N, C-alpha and C. Protein backbone atom coordinates (compact mmCIF):
# COMPACT_ATOMS: atom_id res chain seq x y z
N MET A 1 -18.28 11.32 -19.06
CA MET A 1 -18.23 11.47 -17.43
C MET A 1 -17.27 13.05 -17.12
N ARG A 2 -18.14 12.92 -15.83
CA ARG A 2 -17.80 14.50 -15.68
C ARG A 2 -16.34 15.02 -15.34
N ALA A 3 -15.84 16.14 -15.00
CA ALA A 3 -14.38 16.56 -14.59
C ALA A 3 -14.11 15.40 -13.34
N GLU A 4 -15.28 15.89 -12.51
CA GLU A 4 -14.57 15.58 -11.07
C GLU A 4 -14.51 14.30 -10.86
N LYS A 5 -15.46 13.57 -11.65
CA LYS A 5 -15.60 11.94 -11.53
C LYS A 5 -14.27 11.20 -12.19
N GLN A 6 -13.88 11.92 -13.20
CA GLN A 6 -12.77 11.46 -13.93
C GLN A 6 -10.99 11.76 -12.90
N TYR A 7 -11.12 12.87 -12.28
CA TYR A 7 -10.03 13.58 -11.13
C TYR A 7 -10.04 12.60 -9.95
N LEU A 8 -11.11 12.13 -9.35
CA LEU A 8 -11.51 10.89 -8.41
C LEU A 8 -10.97 9.75 -8.97
N ILE A 9 -11.34 9.13 -10.15
CA ILE A 9 -10.80 7.92 -10.48
C ILE A 9 -9.27 8.31 -10.74
N ALA A 10 -8.71 8.97 -11.44
CA ALA A 10 -7.26 9.26 -11.64
C ALA A 10 -6.95 8.88 -10.17
N GLU A 11 -7.24 9.76 -9.59
CA GLU A 11 -6.54 9.93 -7.84
C GLU A 11 -6.68 8.48 -7.50
N ILE A 12 -7.49 7.93 -7.77
CA ILE A 12 -7.33 5.99 -6.77
C ILE A 12 -6.66 5.45 -7.90
N ASP A 13 -6.54 6.03 -8.97
CA ASP A 13 -5.59 5.00 -9.82
C ASP A 13 -4.17 5.31 -9.51
N SER A 14 -3.86 6.38 -9.20
CA SER A 14 -2.50 6.75 -8.63
C SER A 14 -2.36 5.77 -7.10
N TYR A 15 -3.18 5.81 -6.68
CA TYR A 15 -3.25 5.21 -5.29
C TYR A 15 -2.86 3.32 -5.47
N LEU A 16 -3.29 3.05 -6.45
CA LEU A 16 -3.49 1.61 -6.14
C LEU A 16 -2.64 1.14 -6.90
N LYS A 17 -1.41 2.02 -8.05
CA LYS A 17 -0.24 1.81 -8.62
C LYS A 17 0.52 1.90 -7.83
N LYS A 18 0.23 2.30 -6.53
CA LYS A 18 1.55 2.27 -5.39
C LYS A 18 1.97 0.87 -5.20
N SER A 19 1.38 0.12 -5.18
CA SER A 19 1.94 -1.58 -4.71
C SER A 19 1.35 -2.10 -5.06
N ASP A 20 1.55 -3.89 -4.72
CA ASP A 20 1.38 -5.16 -5.69
C ASP A 20 -0.12 -5.45 -4.67
N TYR A 21 -0.20 -4.57 -3.94
CA TYR A 21 -1.28 -5.26 -2.98
C TYR A 21 -2.26 -3.77 -2.14
N LEU A 22 -3.67 -4.08 -2.04
CA LEU A 22 -4.45 -2.97 -1.83
C LEU A 22 -5.46 -4.48 -0.57
N ILE A 23 -5.64 -3.18 0.23
CA ILE A 23 -6.18 -3.67 1.58
C ILE A 23 -7.50 -2.70 2.06
N LEU A 24 -8.81 -3.35 1.88
CA LEU A 24 -10.25 -2.40 1.87
C LEU A 24 -10.29 -2.79 3.63
N ALA A 25 -10.88 -1.53 3.87
CA ALA A 25 -11.21 -1.40 5.41
C ALA A 25 -12.44 -0.35 5.53
N ASN A 26 -13.13 -1.05 6.14
CA ASN A 26 -14.28 -0.07 6.60
C ASN A 26 -14.06 0.74 8.29
N PHE A 27 -14.35 2.29 7.95
CA PHE A 27 -13.85 2.94 9.27
C PHE A 27 -14.96 3.15 10.13
N THR A 28 -15.89 2.78 10.00
CA THR A 28 -17.40 3.38 10.53
C THR A 28 -16.37 3.14 12.11
N GLY A 29 -17.53 4.30 12.54
CA GLY A 29 -16.72 4.32 14.05
C GLY A 29 -15.54 5.29 14.42
N ALA A 30 -14.58 5.14 13.95
CA ALA A 30 -13.89 5.75 13.50
C ALA A 30 -13.70 7.07 13.69
N THR A 31 -12.92 7.76 14.54
CA THR A 31 -12.43 9.36 14.68
C THR A 31 -11.91 9.77 14.05
N VAL A 32 -11.57 10.76 13.84
CA VAL A 32 -10.70 11.73 13.15
C VAL A 32 -9.08 11.45 13.77
N ALA A 33 -9.09 11.46 14.76
CA ALA A 33 -7.80 11.18 15.91
C ALA A 33 -7.31 9.59 15.38
N ASP A 34 -8.71 8.90 15.64
CA ASP A 34 -8.12 7.56 15.14
C ASP A 34 -7.70 7.07 13.61
N VAL A 35 -8.15 8.22 12.63
CA VAL A 35 -7.43 7.87 11.30
C VAL A 35 -6.48 8.48 11.63
N ALA A 36 -6.00 9.50 12.01
CA ALA A 36 -4.69 10.36 12.02
C ALA A 36 -3.97 9.33 12.76
N ASP A 37 -4.02 8.50 13.85
CA ASP A 37 -3.05 7.61 14.52
C ASP A 37 -2.88 6.72 13.77
N LEU A 38 -4.03 5.87 12.85
CA LEU A 38 -3.48 4.94 12.47
C LEU A 38 -2.66 5.26 10.85
N ARG A 39 -2.82 6.42 10.45
CA ARG A 39 -1.92 7.01 9.27
C ARG A 39 -0.49 6.98 10.05
N ALA A 40 -0.42 7.53 11.04
CA ALA A 40 1.04 7.47 11.53
C ALA A 40 1.39 6.21 11.66
N LYS A 41 1.41 5.32 11.99
CA LYS A 41 1.17 3.83 12.14
C LYS A 41 1.58 3.26 10.83
N LEU A 42 0.44 3.79 9.86
CA LEU A 42 0.93 3.07 8.46
C LEU A 42 2.02 3.89 7.66
N ALA A 43 2.44 4.97 8.28
CA ALA A 43 3.73 5.80 7.49
C ALA A 43 4.74 4.78 7.51
N ALA A 44 4.91 4.44 9.35
CA ALA A 44 6.06 3.46 9.46
C ALA A 44 6.78 2.51 8.54
N GLU A 45 5.31 1.60 8.06
CA GLU A 45 5.88 0.73 7.14
C GLU A 45 5.38 1.45 5.31
N LYS A 46 5.84 2.58 5.10
CA LYS A 46 5.39 3.45 3.88
C LYS A 46 4.27 2.91 3.22
N ALA A 47 3.08 2.93 4.20
CA ALA A 47 1.75 2.59 3.57
C ALA A 47 0.98 4.23 3.65
N GLU A 48 -0.07 3.72 2.87
CA GLU A 48 -1.00 4.84 2.96
C GLU A 48 -2.35 4.38 3.28
N PHE A 49 -3.23 5.10 3.72
CA PHE A 49 -4.11 4.92 4.27
C PHE A 49 -5.60 6.35 3.69
N HIS A 50 -6.38 6.07 2.46
CA HIS A 50 -7.23 6.95 2.23
C HIS A 50 -8.69 6.42 1.70
N VAL A 51 -9.28 7.28 2.56
CA VAL A 51 -10.96 7.13 2.14
C VAL A 51 -11.28 7.56 0.94
N VAL A 52 -12.17 6.40 0.12
CA VAL A 52 -12.53 6.46 -1.00
C VAL A 52 -14.13 6.13 -1.46
N LYS A 53 -14.57 6.64 -2.42
CA LYS A 53 -15.82 6.66 -2.62
C LYS A 53 -15.66 4.89 -3.52
N ASN A 54 -17.13 4.29 -3.29
CA ASN A 54 -16.70 2.80 -3.71
C ASN A 54 -16.85 2.86 -5.34
N SER A 55 -17.80 3.81 -5.82
CA SER A 55 -18.17 3.78 -7.33
C SER A 55 -16.83 4.22 -7.84
N SER A 56 -15.92 5.23 -7.44
CA SER A 56 -14.79 5.31 -7.85
C SER A 56 -13.70 4.23 -8.14
N LEU A 57 -13.59 3.57 -7.06
CA LEU A 57 -12.73 2.67 -6.58
C LEU A 57 -12.92 1.48 -7.48
N ARG A 58 -14.10 1.13 -8.03
CA ARG A 58 -14.57 0.16 -8.62
C ARG A 58 -14.21 0.50 -10.24
N VAL A 59 -14.51 1.32 -10.90
CA VAL A 59 -14.38 1.77 -11.85
C VAL A 59 -12.07 2.07 -11.94
N ALA A 60 -12.09 2.53 -11.41
CA ALA A 60 -10.46 2.50 -11.39
C ALA A 60 -9.85 1.17 -11.19
N ALA A 61 -10.27 0.05 -10.32
CA ALA A 61 -9.53 -1.41 -10.11
C ALA A 61 -10.38 -2.05 -11.83
N GLN A 62 -11.75 -1.56 -11.72
CA GLN A 62 -11.79 -2.61 -13.38
C GLN A 62 -10.54 -1.70 -14.30
N ALA A 63 -10.13 -0.72 -14.43
CA ALA A 63 -9.35 -0.28 -15.03
C ALA A 63 -7.65 -0.65 -15.14
N LEU A 64 -7.43 -1.25 -14.11
CA LEU A 64 -6.11 -1.79 -13.94
C LEU A 64 -6.15 -3.52 -13.66
N GLY A 65 -7.55 -4.26 -14.27
CA GLY A 65 -7.26 -5.14 -14.19
C GLY A 65 -7.39 -6.01 -12.74
N LEU A 66 -7.65 -5.37 -11.96
CA LEU A 66 -7.92 -5.96 -10.29
C LEU A 66 -8.99 -6.77 -10.44
N PRO A 67 -9.00 -7.91 -9.61
CA PRO A 67 -10.72 -8.60 -9.66
C PRO A 67 -11.65 -7.89 -9.10
N ASP A 68 -12.72 -8.45 -9.18
CA ASP A 68 -13.90 -8.06 -8.78
C ASP A 68 -13.84 -7.59 -7.51
N LEU A 69 -14.31 -6.37 -7.25
CA LEU A 69 -14.35 -6.10 -5.47
C LEU A 69 -15.49 -5.61 -5.11
N ASP A 70 -16.87 -6.07 -6.16
CA ASP A 70 -17.81 -5.72 -5.62
C ASP A 70 -18.81 -5.93 -4.14
N SER A 71 -18.56 -7.56 -3.63
CA SER A 71 -18.77 -7.90 -2.45
C SER A 71 -18.27 -7.05 -1.18
N ALA A 72 -17.46 -6.27 -1.71
CA ALA A 72 -16.41 -5.38 -0.46
C ALA A 72 -16.81 -4.03 -0.27
N LEU A 73 -17.64 -3.82 -2.00
CA LEU A 73 -17.63 -2.13 -2.12
C LEU A 73 -18.97 -1.75 -1.45
N THR A 74 -19.42 -2.14 0.25
CA THR A 74 -20.37 -2.01 0.42
C THR A 74 -20.20 -0.60 1.95
N GLY A 75 -20.90 0.00 2.20
CA GLY A 75 -20.75 1.66 3.11
C GLY A 75 -19.29 1.83 2.85
N PRO A 76 -19.10 2.71 3.99
CA PRO A 76 -17.54 3.76 4.09
C PRO A 76 -16.25 2.68 3.58
N THR A 77 -15.42 2.98 2.41
CA THR A 77 -14.77 2.23 1.97
C THR A 77 -13.34 3.41 2.79
N ALA A 78 -12.19 2.67 2.75
CA ALA A 78 -10.92 3.24 3.12
C ALA A 78 -10.16 2.05 2.10
N VAL A 79 -8.79 2.54 1.65
CA VAL A 79 -8.09 1.66 0.98
C VAL A 79 -6.60 1.96 1.70
N VAL A 80 -5.67 0.74 1.60
CA VAL A 80 -4.41 0.93 2.41
C VAL A 80 -3.49 0.59 1.30
N VAL A 81 -2.64 1.15 0.59
CA VAL A 81 -1.75 0.78 -0.34
C VAL A 81 0.01 1.31 -0.07
N GLY A 82 0.60 0.73 -0.68
CA GLY A 82 1.97 1.60 -0.42
C GLY A 82 2.81 0.37 0.26
N GLY A 83 4.36 1.34 0.11
CA GLY A 83 4.90 0.00 0.89
C GLY A 83 5.47 -1.20 0.31
N LYS A 84 6.21 -2.09 0.35
CA LYS A 84 6.90 -3.43 0.24
C LYS A 84 6.29 -4.58 0.94
N ASN A 85 6.05 -4.34 2.41
CA ASN A 85 5.75 -5.18 3.07
C ASN A 85 4.22 -5.36 3.75
N ALA A 86 3.41 -6.40 2.63
CA ALA A 86 1.76 -6.27 3.21
C ALA A 86 1.99 -6.62 4.19
N ALA A 87 2.84 -7.99 4.96
CA ALA A 87 2.59 -8.78 5.82
C ALA A 87 2.60 -7.77 7.16
N GLY A 88 3.84 -6.59 6.99
CA GLY A 88 3.98 -5.56 8.10
C GLY A 88 2.55 -4.73 8.36
N VAL A 89 2.21 -3.91 7.06
CA VAL A 89 0.51 -3.27 6.62
C VAL A 89 -0.43 -4.55 7.52
N ALA A 90 -0.56 -5.39 6.92
CA ALA A 90 -1.55 -5.99 7.46
C ALA A 90 -1.54 -6.51 9.25
N LYS A 91 0.08 -6.27 10.07
CA LYS A 91 -0.11 -6.62 11.30
C LYS A 91 -0.54 -5.17 12.16
N VAL A 92 -0.21 -3.80 11.01
CA VAL A 92 -0.51 -2.52 11.96
C VAL A 92 -2.34 -2.74 12.01
N LEU A 93 -2.46 -3.01 10.53
CA LEU A 93 -4.50 -3.25 10.95
C LEU A 93 -4.70 -3.56 11.73
N LYS A 94 -4.24 -5.37 11.84
CA LYS A 94 -4.63 -5.62 13.01
C LYS A 94 -4.42 -5.68 14.55
N GLN A 95 -3.53 -5.04 14.50
CA GLN A 95 -3.32 -4.46 15.80
C GLN A 95 -4.21 -3.28 16.25
N PHE A 96 -4.42 -2.36 15.22
CA PHE A 96 -5.07 -1.10 15.62
C PHE A 96 -6.49 -1.60 15.55
N PHE A 97 -6.84 -2.62 14.78
CA PHE A 97 -8.38 -3.02 15.54
C PHE A 97 -8.56 -3.80 16.67
N LYS A 98 -7.60 -4.66 17.37
CA LYS A 98 -7.27 -5.22 18.33
C LYS A 98 -7.34 -4.14 19.28
N ASP A 99 -6.91 -3.64 19.30
CA ASP A 99 -6.93 -2.07 20.87
C ASP A 99 -8.07 -1.20 20.47
N LYS A 100 -8.35 -0.51 19.22
CA LYS A 100 -9.49 0.51 18.86
C LYS A 100 -10.91 -0.09 18.94
N GLN A 101 -10.84 -1.59 17.97
CA GLN A 101 -11.99 -2.08 17.72
C GLN A 101 -13.16 -1.12 16.86
N LYS A 102 -12.03 -0.25 15.58
CA LYS A 102 -13.12 0.61 14.65
C LYS A 102 -12.75 0.29 13.41
N VAL A 103 -11.71 0.04 13.26
CA VAL A 103 -11.43 -0.31 11.66
C VAL A 103 -11.08 -1.70 11.50
N GLU A 104 -12.17 -1.85 10.56
CA GLU A 104 -12.32 -3.56 10.22
C GLU A 104 -11.88 -3.63 8.61
N VAL A 105 -11.11 -4.97 8.27
CA VAL A 105 -10.91 -5.41 7.35
C VAL A 105 -11.89 -6.05 6.38
N LYS A 106 -12.05 -5.32 5.07
CA LYS A 106 -13.29 -5.86 3.96
C LYS A 106 -12.87 -6.88 3.50
N ALA A 107 -11.68 -6.72 2.60
CA ALA A 107 -11.16 -7.81 2.08
C ALA A 107 -9.22 -7.27 1.17
N GLY A 108 -8.90 -7.84 0.49
CA GLY A 108 -7.62 -7.16 0.18
C GLY A 108 -7.37 -7.80 -1.21
N VAL A 109 -6.56 -7.47 -1.82
CA VAL A 109 -5.86 -7.98 -3.21
C VAL A 109 -4.23 -7.84 -3.00
N LEU A 110 -3.75 -9.30 -3.13
CA LEU A 110 -2.53 -9.45 -3.19
C LEU A 110 -2.31 -10.17 -4.44
N SER A 111 -1.32 -9.59 -5.26
CA SER A 111 -0.68 -9.79 -6.49
C SER A 111 -2.06 -9.99 -7.42
N LYS A 112 -2.89 -9.20 -7.53
CA LYS A 112 -4.14 -9.43 -8.52
C LYS A 112 -4.96 -10.55 -8.06
N LYS A 113 -5.15 -10.86 -6.88
CA LYS A 113 -6.03 -11.85 -6.56
C LYS A 113 -6.38 -11.63 -5.36
N LEU A 114 -7.83 -11.61 -5.53
CA LEU A 114 -8.51 -11.07 -4.12
C LEU A 114 -8.48 -12.46 -2.90
N ILE A 115 -8.15 -11.66 -2.22
CA ILE A 115 -8.25 -11.98 -0.25
C ILE A 115 -9.28 -11.94 0.59
N THR A 116 -9.74 -12.97 1.35
CA THR A 116 -10.73 -12.49 2.47
C THR A 116 -9.79 -11.88 3.41
N PRO A 117 -10.61 -11.44 4.32
CA PRO A 117 -10.80 -10.67 5.95
C PRO A 117 -9.59 -11.86 6.43
N GLN A 118 -10.05 -12.82 6.53
CA GLN A 118 -9.32 -14.09 7.27
C GLN A 118 -7.83 -14.38 6.52
N GLN A 119 -7.74 -14.13 5.21
CA GLN A 119 -6.40 -14.51 4.32
C GLN A 119 -5.46 -13.24 5.23
N VAL A 120 -6.17 -11.76 5.14
CA VAL A 120 -5.29 -10.95 5.50
C VAL A 120 -4.38 -10.97 7.11
N ALA A 121 -5.93 -11.51 8.04
CA ALA A 121 -4.87 -11.97 9.04
C ALA A 121 -4.01 -13.19 9.12
N GLN A 122 -4.31 -14.05 8.45
CA GLN A 122 -3.11 -15.15 8.26
C GLN A 122 -1.78 -14.07 7.77
N LEU A 123 -1.87 -13.06 6.69
CA LEU A 123 -0.65 -12.51 6.10
C LEU A 123 -0.16 -11.80 7.35
N ALA A 124 -1.33 -11.24 8.34
CA ALA A 124 -0.52 -10.39 9.44
C ALA A 124 -0.03 -11.55 10.58
N ASP A 125 -0.31 -12.28 10.54
CA ASP A 125 0.62 -13.44 11.47
C ASP A 125 1.63 -14.28 10.78
N MET A 126 2.35 -13.91 9.83
CA MET A 126 3.12 -14.26 9.09
C MET A 126 4.65 -13.15 9.57
N PRO A 127 5.90 -13.86 9.85
CA PRO A 127 6.73 -13.00 10.03
C PRO A 127 7.33 -11.90 8.92
N SER A 128 8.02 -10.83 9.70
CA SER A 128 8.31 -9.66 8.80
C SER A 128 8.97 -9.81 7.70
N LEU A 129 9.36 -9.38 6.81
CA LEU A 129 10.35 -9.60 5.61
C LEU A 129 11.36 -9.87 5.69
N GLU A 130 12.36 -9.04 7.05
CA GLU A 130 13.04 -9.00 7.61
C GLU A 130 13.86 -10.72 8.01
N VAL A 131 12.67 -11.02 9.19
CA VAL A 131 13.09 -12.22 9.72
C VAL A 131 12.61 -13.50 8.60
N LEU A 132 11.98 -13.59 7.56
CA LEU A 132 12.08 -14.40 6.92
C LEU A 132 13.40 -14.48 6.10
N ARG A 133 13.64 -12.91 5.69
CA ARG A 133 15.19 -12.91 5.02
C ARG A 133 16.30 -13.50 5.86
N ALA A 134 16.32 -13.00 6.90
CA ALA A 134 16.87 -13.90 8.19
C ALA A 134 17.24 -15.68 8.55
N GLN A 135 16.22 -15.92 8.20
CA GLN A 135 15.59 -17.45 8.19
C GLN A 135 16.41 -18.02 6.82
N PHE A 136 15.83 -17.12 6.23
CA PHE A 136 16.27 -17.95 4.88
C PHE A 136 17.69 -18.00 4.38
N LEU A 137 18.59 -16.97 4.84
CA LEU A 137 19.71 -17.28 5.03
C LEU A 137 20.63 -18.15 5.86
N GLY A 138 19.51 -17.93 7.44
CA GLY A 138 20.33 -19.20 8.25
C GLY A 138 20.34 -20.61 7.54
N LEU A 139 19.16 -20.45 6.72
CA LEU A 139 18.80 -22.00 5.55
C LEU A 139 20.44 -22.48 4.86
N ILE A 140 20.32 -21.29 4.31
CA ILE A 140 21.33 -21.57 3.51
C ILE A 140 23.11 -21.69 3.70
N ASN A 141 23.24 -21.02 5.34
CA ASN A 141 24.29 -20.62 5.92
C ASN A 141 24.54 -22.45 6.45
N GLN A 142 23.48 -23.04 6.65
CA GLN A 142 23.71 -24.09 7.87
C GLN A 142 24.43 -25.11 7.42
N PRO A 143 24.01 -25.52 5.97
CA PRO A 143 24.84 -26.78 5.29
C PRO A 143 26.22 -26.24 5.06
N ALA A 144 26.80 -25.01 5.00
CA ALA A 144 27.92 -24.70 4.87
C ALA A 144 28.66 -24.86 6.19
N SER A 145 27.87 -24.24 7.11
CA SER A 145 28.80 -24.71 8.55
C SER A 145 28.80 -25.93 8.83
N MET A 146 27.67 -26.83 8.49
CA MET A 146 28.05 -28.48 8.77
C MET A 146 29.18 -28.93 7.96
N PHE A 147 29.29 -28.74 6.85
CA PHE A 147 30.17 -29.09 6.10
C PHE A 147 31.58 -28.93 6.02
N VAL A 148 31.69 -27.81 7.08
CA VAL A 148 33.39 -27.08 7.16
C VAL A 148 33.32 -27.98 8.72
N ARG A 149 32.16 -28.45 9.44
CA ARG A 149 32.56 -29.11 10.43
C ARG A 149 32.63 -30.67 10.00
N VAL A 150 32.52 -30.78 9.36
CA VAL A 150 33.00 -32.57 8.61
C VAL A 150 34.21 -32.29 8.26
N ILE A 151 34.43 -31.61 7.68
CA ILE A 151 35.86 -31.66 6.57
C ILE A 151 36.64 -31.63 8.29
N ASN A 152 36.62 -30.63 9.51
CA ASN A 152 37.48 -30.32 9.88
C ASN A 152 37.84 -31.45 11.37
N ALA A 153 36.32 -32.26 11.11
CA ALA A 153 36.63 -33.24 12.21
C ALA A 153 37.64 -34.81 11.73
N ALA A 154 38.08 -35.04 10.84
CA ALA A 154 38.64 -35.72 10.67
C ALA A 154 40.42 -35.50 11.24
N PRO A 155 40.89 -34.59 10.79
CA PRO A 155 42.24 -33.79 11.03
C PRO A 155 41.92 -33.52 13.07
N GLN A 156 41.20 -33.22 13.30
CA GLN A 156 40.79 -32.64 14.66
C GLN A 156 40.79 -34.06 15.58
N GLY A 157 40.27 -35.08 14.79
CA GLY A 157 40.41 -36.65 15.39
C GLY A 157 41.61 -37.07 15.50
N LEU A 158 42.63 -36.72 14.19
CA LEU A 158 43.83 -37.63 14.22
C LEU A 158 44.78 -36.40 15.39
N VAL A 159 44.51 -35.01 15.47
CA VAL A 159 45.36 -34.37 16.35
C VAL A 159 45.11 -34.99 17.89
N ASN A 160 43.45 -35.30 17.97
CA ASN A 160 43.37 -35.64 19.58
C ASN A 160 44.18 -37.11 20.05
N VAL A 161 44.21 -38.03 18.48
CA VAL A 161 44.80 -38.89 18.65
C VAL A 161 46.10 -38.94 19.54
N LEU A 162 46.95 -38.27 18.73
CA LEU A 162 48.32 -38.10 18.71
C LEU A 162 48.73 -37.38 20.33
N SER A 163 47.48 -36.46 20.52
CA SER A 163 47.86 -35.57 21.57
C SER A 163 47.63 -36.62 23.05
N ALA A 164 46.73 -37.59 22.73
CA ALA A 164 46.38 -38.39 23.77
C ALA A 164 47.52 -39.78 23.79
N LYS A 165 48.21 -39.86 22.80
CA LYS A 165 49.41 -40.76 22.50
C LYS A 165 50.47 -40.67 23.30
N ALA A 166 50.90 -38.90 23.00
CA ALA A 166 52.02 -38.49 23.29
C ALA A 166 51.65 -38.53 25.11
N ARG A 167 50.74 -37.92 25.52
CA ARG A 167 50.41 -37.62 27.07
C ARG A 167 50.79 -39.49 27.58
N ALA A 168 50.13 -40.01 27.19
CA ALA A 168 50.36 -41.64 27.30
C ALA A 168 51.76 -42.28 27.45
N GLY A 169 52.50 -41.31 26.53
CA GLY A 169 54.27 -41.65 26.61
C GLY A 169 54.61 -40.87 27.44
N ALA A 170 54.55 -40.10 27.71
CA ALA A 170 55.08 -39.05 28.56
C ALA A 170 54.74 -39.34 30.11
N ALA A 171 53.54 -40.13 30.04
CA ALA A 171 53.00 -40.36 32.09
C ALA A 171 54.07 -41.86 31.93
N GLN A 172 54.52 -42.27 31.35
CA GLN A 172 54.71 -43.81 31.53
C GLN A 172 56.85 -43.87 31.60
């Protein structure tokens, strides 16, 4: 294999190792300014957008044991990788496509499983990682607060009865 190809494959390999997800996109019709704008938005999620050669991506993906991407490797291809929040990155891509109608998701890989563009869209519709954590903590906290209210109800009821009895006695 030529040195240039080995370098390209090694570079793509380093991109793919940055996260446990990968989103493939078709960027046909996107201008340099559009791609720069998308990169800036992805940077907020600590993700990266790289234009790659399909053949080099195929070789790098096979070397890392990723699922077969051949069905998505047609036409111009860009990879989106990096960051810990795959749902947040999918949201950015979905919003960018909605606004510009230029970058289209071809497929994705999440935890070494191939996902369709529709599943990437579903991922984008999920709440962010911070929201999910807050909801989870709320669920954990709720039974404890209910338990405290139940424990507190008996003494509070006794205090209310004694207080009412004292008011009734003072009124007579």
